[in-house]
Amino acid sequence: MYYDAASKKVVAYDGHETAPSAARKREPVCIIYRASFYICTMSPPSSGGIAIAQSLGTLENFELSK
């Protein structure tokens, strides 16, 4: 049993709440970093891959070896 806030009712589990779902195959997000590295990360809906790509794009504008 659980409380469904949208309907404001107590509802019994019927199995669909925990039913296994199929994983979707998604293409990775790939970037070229500093003309030497080909980096691939997770694609959306995961935001981590996009965040890494944007961060590396920003870092390309700075000389990090100094």
Protein backbone atom coordinates (compact mmCIF):
# COMPACT_ATOMS: atom_id res chain seq x y z
CA MET A 1 0.00 0.00 0.00
CA TYR A 2 1.14 3.51 -0.69
CA TYR A 3 -0.32 6.99 -0.70
CA ASP A 4 -0.80 8.50 -4.15
CA ALA A 5 -0.56 12.26 -3.65
CA ALA A 6 -1.98 13.03 -7.11
CA SER A 7 -5.24 11.18 -6.49
CA LYS A 8 -5.11 11.63 -2.70
CA LYS A 9 -5.86 7.93 -2.19
CA VAL A 10 -4.21 4.94 -0.61
CA VAL A 11 -3.45 2.47 -3.39
CA ALA A 12 -2.43 -1.21 -3.33
CA TYR A 13 0.63 -2.29 -5.32
CA ASP A 14 -0.33 -4.28 -8.39
CA GLY A 15 3.13 -5.14 -9.67
CA HIS A 16 3.52 -2.57 -12.44
CA GLU A 17 5.35 -0.22 -10.08
CA THR A 18 8.28 -2.62 -9.82
CA ALA A 19 8.06 -4.35 -13.19
CA PRO A 20 11.41 -4.56 -14.99
CA SER A 21 11.86 -2.14 -17.83
CA ALA A 22 13.98 -2.62 -20.93
CA ALA A 23 17.18 -0.63 -21.19
CA ARG A 24 17.36 1.65 -24.20
CA LYS A 25 20.44 1.64 -26.37
CA ARG A 26 21.66 5.20 -26.84
CA GLU A 27 24.53 6.61 -28.82
CA PRO A 28 27.32 8.11 -26.70
CA VAL A 29 28.24 11.80 -26.76
CA CYS A 30 31.76 12.02 -28.20
CA ILE A 31 34.09 15.02 -28.39
CA ILE A 32 37.64 15.70 -29.51
CA TYR A 33 39.61 17.36 -26.71
CA ARG A 34 42.74 19.37 -27.54
CA ALA A 35 43.01 17.69 -30.97
CA SER A 36 44.57 14.65 -29.29
CA PHE A 37 41.87 12.89 -27.30
CA TYR A 38 38.61 11.35 -28.47
CA ILE A 39 36.35 11.20 -25.39
CA CYS A 40 32.96 9.49 -25.27
CA THR A 41 30.51 9.88 -22.39
CA MET A 42 26.92 9.01 -21.55
CA SER A 43 24.20 10.50 -23.70
CA PRO A 44 21.00 12.17 -22.46
CA PRO A 45 18.86 11.72 -20.43
CA SER A 46 21.95 11.41 -18.22
CA SER A 47 23.29 14.91 -17.72
CA GLY A 48 26.75 13.78 -16.64
CA GLY A 49 28.08 13.24 -20.16
CA ILE A 50 26.97 16.64 -21.40
CA ALA A 51 28.44 18.32 -18.29
CA ILE A 52 31.81 16.65 -18.89
CA ALA A 53 31.81 17.65 -22.56
CA GLN A 54 30.97 21.27 -21.71
CA SER A 55 33.61 21.41 -18.98
CA LEU A 56 36.30 20.07 -21.29
CA GLY A 57 35.21 22.54 -23.98
CA THR A 58 35.71 25.37 -21.50
CA LEU A 59 39.10 24.04 -20.37
CA GLU A 60 40.35 24.00 -23.96
CA ASN A 61 40.58 27.80 -23.78
CA PHE A 62 43.15 27.70 -20.97
CA GLU A 63 46.78 26.58 -20.86
CA LEU A 64 46.69 24.16 -17.93
CA SER A 65 50.38 23.25 -17.95
CA LYS A 66 51.40 26.61 -16.45
